[in-house]
Amino acid sequence: MNTTESSNSKSSKTQTSACLLDCDLTYLSKLVRQLTRIIDNNGRNPRLESDFMVEDKNKSGNSQSQKITSRKNELKQLKSRLNTTKKKKTKQYSKPQPKKPKVGKADAKKKADAKKKAEVKKKAEVKKKAEAKKKAEVKKKAEAKKKAEEDKRKEEEAKRKEEEAKKTYEEELEEQLTEEEITGFQIDKTNMDRLANRVCEIIFSYGTDGMLQTELWKKLKLSSRDGSRLALKLERLGMITREKLLENGRWTYKLIIRKAPVSTTSIENAPCLVCPVESKCALNNEISPKTCQYIEDWVFVELKTSKSK
């Protein structure tokens, strides 16, 4: 409270002194103008006058000159007073300039180091923000790519399920035919045993990878209906297995061999099949495969045939 009151009283005193100075300046300026005007009027050349008036004028001239001199002195005093008042007013209203603190070399270096550190910190923050922004963009792109892949996978899965829901021609046949009709399938004017062996041999040549049934039917020149029924028959007999797969947007089956076909080509000309003493032949008997001349001749013939091929 005391501090506030003291500051208020100081400000009021300052305002009062300022008002007084303004009034004093106004009054002094007015007096100077009046005195200047009077001196100018008295200093002009007098008009021509009569002799008796000249004498009176001479008498009053001395007193008038004295008045002028006193007025001039008074004017000088007023002017000096006016200048003094103006100086006081200027000094009173002029704000004191704050003294600039002296900056030493150590302080200047300290400020320069602080400024340099601030710049380095600012650059580091800018770099950090740029890296964070870059990481965010990379993360966003990765998430978008992952989402796209997930959407594609879901679409493919939905499409696959939709295709799986569709029945193939073989599945429809299985529903329509009985087990007897499948296992007893017969093509007119065709040896089914030989055809089955031929099918197994072709599938066996593809190994464990198997082959598409459409390719097999083209090789054997069979219709899709006959080929499908034959594949069902061979599967029921345990000779092949069928795997369902999607090929070129359509469902089909891959045929894989389950039991390798037995080839009789190697023993077709064997002498043992028509040997007259086959019942007496044994490893430890007098007639034995070790000493059989028929077998020896047959082996030489087969060897020559295989070399010529």
Foldseek 3Di string as FASTA:
>chain_A
DVVVVVVVVVVVVLVVVLVVLVVLLVVLVVLLVVLVVVLVVVPDDDDDDDPVVVVVCVVVVVVVVVVNVVSVVVSVVSVVVNVVSVVVNCVSPDDDDDDDDDDDPVNVVVVVVVVVVVVVVVVVVVVVVVVVVVVVVVVVVVVVVVVVVVVVVVVVVVLVVVQVVDDDPLRVVPVVDDPCCLQVPDDPPDDLVVVLLVLLQVQVVVPQVAAFLVVVCVVVVHDPVSSSSNLSNCVVVVQWDWDWDADPNHITIGIHGRDHDDDCPVCPPQCLVVDPCVVQEDCPGPHYPVPDPSRVVVVVVVVVVVVVD
